[in-house]
C-alpha cells in the first residue's frame, strides 16, 4: 500500500486515541521499513501496550464504512444456524 493511501486511511478514522496517535506517528517516522517491524518493536517505540498496537492495526485492516452506502437490512444469526436470517430494525 502506498504511503499516501496508508496515512490517508489513518486520517479518515472518525476517532483516534492518544495511544493510536503515538503509534501512527511512529509508523510515519519509520514507514519505508515499517514492514520489518514487529508488534513489540512498535509498542516499545510508541510507548504503548502490544495489545493496543494489534487493535490499531486491526482497525486499519478493516474497511472504513462509506456513509453513502446503505447497510443490508439483514444479518446472519450465527454459525451452525443454516440460512437463518434476522431482520434488523431501521
C-alpha atoms as a PDB file:
ATOM      1  CA  UNK A   1       0.000   0.000   0.000  1.00  0.00           C
ATOM      2  CA  UNK A   2       1.442   3.397  -0.925  1.00  0.00           C
ATOM      3  CA  UNK A   3       2.320   5.667   1.999  1.00  0.00           C
ATOM      4  CA  UNK A   4      -0.218   8.292   0.926  1.00  0.00           C
ATOM      5  CA  UNK A   5      -3.071   5.745   0.970  1.00  0.00           C
ATOM      6  CA  UNK A   6      -1.926   4.243   4.278  1.00  0.00           C
ATOM      7  CA  UNK A   7      -1.794   7.561   6.100  1.00  0.00           C
ATOM      8  CA  UNK A   8      -4.972   8.783   4.384  1.00  0.00           C
ATOM      9  CA  UNK A   9      -6.751   5.829   5.951  1.00  0.00           C
ATOM     10  CA  UNK A  10      -5.462   6.828   9.391  1.00  0.00           C
ATOM     11  CA  UNK A  11      -6.628  10.430   8.853  1.00  0.00           C
ATOM     12  CA  UNK A  12     -10.102   9.213   7.855  1.00  0.00           C
ATOM     13  CA  UNK A  13     -10.656   7.402  11.154  1.00  0.00           C
ATOM     14  CA  UNK A  14     -13.563   9.047  12.958  1.00  0.00           C
ATOM     15  CA  UNK A  15     -11.900   8.828  16.335  1.00  0.00           C
ATOM     16  CA  UNK A  16      -8.359   8.059  17.412  1.00  0.00           C
ATOM     17  CA  UNK A  17      -6.936   7.676  20.918  1.00  0.00           C
ATOM     18  CA  UNK A  18      -3.760   9.285  22.230  1.00  0.00           C
ATOM     19  CA  UNK A  19      -2.042   5.895  22.113  1.00  0.00           C
ATOM     20  CA  UNK A  20      -3.102   5.401  18.499  1.00  0.00           C
ATOM     21  CA  UNK A  21      -1.703   8.836  17.629  1.00  0.00           C
ATOM     22  CA  UNK A  22       1.631   7.737  19.098  1.00  0.00           C
ATOM     23  CA  UNK A  23       1.523   4.535  17.048  1.00  0.00           C
ATOM     24  CA  UNK A  24       0.625   6.447  13.873  1.00  0.00           C
ATOM     25  CA  UNK A  25       3.476   8.926  14.421  1.00  0.00           C
ATOM     26  CA  UNK A  26       5.928   6.074  14.895  1.00  0.00           C
ATOM     27  CA  UNK A  27       4.623   4.331  11.763  1.00  0.00           C
ATOM     28  CA  UNK A  28       5.005   7.527   9.753  1.00  0.00           C
ATOM     29  CA  UNK A  29       8.536   8.031  11.038  1.00  0.00           C
ATOM     30  CA  UNK A  30       9.697   4.533  10.035  1.00  0.00           C
ATOM     31  CA  UNK A  31       7.329   3.990   7.082  1.00  0.00           C
ATOM     32  CA  UNK A  32       9.783   2.711   4.477  1.00  0.00           C
ATOM     33  CA  UNK A  33      10.865  -0.023   6.927  1.00  0.00           C
ATOM     34  CA  UNK A  34       7.524  -0.492   8.698  1.00  0.00           C
ATOM     35  CA  UNK A  35       7.040  -3.960   7.214  1.00  0.00           C
ATOM     36  CA  UNK A  36      10.158  -5.123   9.055  1.00  0.00           C
ATOM     37  CA  UNK A  37       8.877  -4.012  12.468  1.00  0.00           C
ATOM     38  CA  UNK A  38       7.162  -6.312  14.945  1.00  0.00           C
ATOM     39  CA  UNK A  39       4.269  -5.543  17.259  1.00  0.00           C
ATOM     40  CA  UNK A  40       6.791  -5.493  20.120  1.00  0.00           C
ATOM     41  CA  UNK A  41       9.152  -3.001  18.466  1.00  0.00           C
ATOM     42  CA  UNK A  42       6.252  -0.716  17.514  1.00  0.00           C
ATOM     43  CA  UNK A  43       4.818  -0.844  21.044  1.00  0.00           C
ATOM     44  CA  UNK A  44       8.213  -0.142  22.613  1.00  0.00           C
ATOM     45  CA  UNK A  45       8.959   2.772  20.282  1.00  0.00           C
ATOM     46  CA  UNK A  46       5.484   4.300  20.661  1.00  0.00           C
ATOM     47  CA  UNK A  47       5.447   3.535  24.414  1.00  0.00           C
ATOM     48  CA  UNK A  48       2.075   1.759  24.276  1.00  0.00           C
ATOM     49  CA  UNK A  49       0.957  -1.780  25.004  1.00  0.00           C
ATOM     50  CA  UNK A  50       1.273  -4.559  22.436  1.00  0.00           C
ATOM     51  CA  UNK A  51      -2.483  -5.171  22.550  1.00  0.00           C
ATOM     52  CA  UNK A  52      -3.072  -1.510  21.639  1.00  0.00           C
ATOM     53  CA  UNK A  53      -0.839  -1.906  18.568  1.00  0.00           C
ATOM     54  CA  UNK A  54      -2.708  -5.053  17.488  1.00  0.00           C
ATOM     55  CA  UNK A  55      -6.126  -3.399  17.922  1.00  0.00           C
ATOM     56  CA  UNK A  56      -4.990  -0.341  15.938  1.00  0.00           C
ATOM     57  CA  UNK A  57      -3.640  -2.490  13.108  1.00  0.00           C
ATOM     58  CA  UNK A  58      -6.921  -4.431  13.047  1.00  0.00           C
ATOM     59  CA  UNK A  59      -8.820  -1.131  12.730  1.00  0.00           C
ATOM     60  CA  UNK A  60      -6.622  -0.155   9.799  1.00  0.00           C
ATOM     61  CA  UNK A  61      -7.114  -3.550   8.151  1.00  0.00           C
ATOM     62  CA  UNK A  62     -10.909  -3.276   8.227  1.00  0.00           C
ATOM     63  CA  UNK A  63     -12.617  -1.183   5.557  1.00  0.00           C
ATOM     64  CA  UNK A  64     -13.751   2.296   6.562  1.00  0.00           C
ATOM     65  CA  UNK A  65     -17.540   2.396   6.233  1.00  0.00           C
ATOM     66  CA  UNK A  66     -18.850   4.627   3.487  1.00  0.00           C
ATOM     67  CA  UNK A  67     -21.754   6.688   4.908  1.00  0.00           C
ATOM     68  CA  UNK A  68     -23.317   6.927   1.444  1.00  0.00           C
ATOM     69  CA  UNK A  69     -23.744   3.137   1.222  1.00  0.00           C
ATOM     70  CA  UNK A  70     -26.810   1.653   2.897  1.00  0.00           C
ATOM     71  CA  UNK A  71     -26.293  -1.285   5.237  1.00  0.00           C
ATOM     72  CA  UNK A  72     -28.153  -4.512   4.418  1.00  0.00           C
ATOM     73  CA  UNK A  73     -31.464  -4.935   6.227  1.00  0.00           C
ATOM     74  CA  UNK A  74     -30.499  -8.416   7.426  1.00  0.00           C
ATOM     75  CA  UNK A  75     -27.634 -10.261   9.035  1.00  0.00           C
ATOM     76  CA  UNK A  76     -26.918 -13.942   9.620  1.00  0.00           C
ATOM     77  CA  UNK A  77     -27.816 -15.101  13.130  1.00  0.00           C
ATOM     78  CA  UNK A  78     -24.636 -17.121  13.536  1.00  0.00           C
ATOM     79  CA  UNK A  79     -22.677 -20.206  12.556  1.00  0.00           C
ATOM     80  CA  UNK A  80     -24.471 -23.524  12.570  1.00  0.00           C
ATOM     81  CA  UNK A  81     -27.877 -21.905  12.061  1.00  0.00           C
ATOM     82  CA  UNK A  82     -28.141 -22.625   8.364  1.00  0.00           C
ATOM     83  CA  UNK A  83     -29.594 -19.852   6.257  1.00  0.00           C
ATOM     84  CA  UNK A  84     -31.494 -18.318   9.169  1.00  0.00           C
ATOM     85  CA  UNK A  85     -31.560 -14.530   8.988  1.00  0.00           C
ATOM     86  CA  UNK A  86     -32.678 -11.843  11.347  1.00  0.00           C
ATOM     87  CA  UNK A  87     -34.169  -8.558  10.161  1.00  0.00           C
ATOM     88  CA  UNK A  88     -32.582  -5.519  11.697  1.00  0.00           C
ATOM     89  CA  UNK A  89     -34.780  -2.699  12.812  1.00  0.00           C
ATOM     90  CA  UNK A  90     -34.149   0.563  10.987  1.00  0.00           C
END
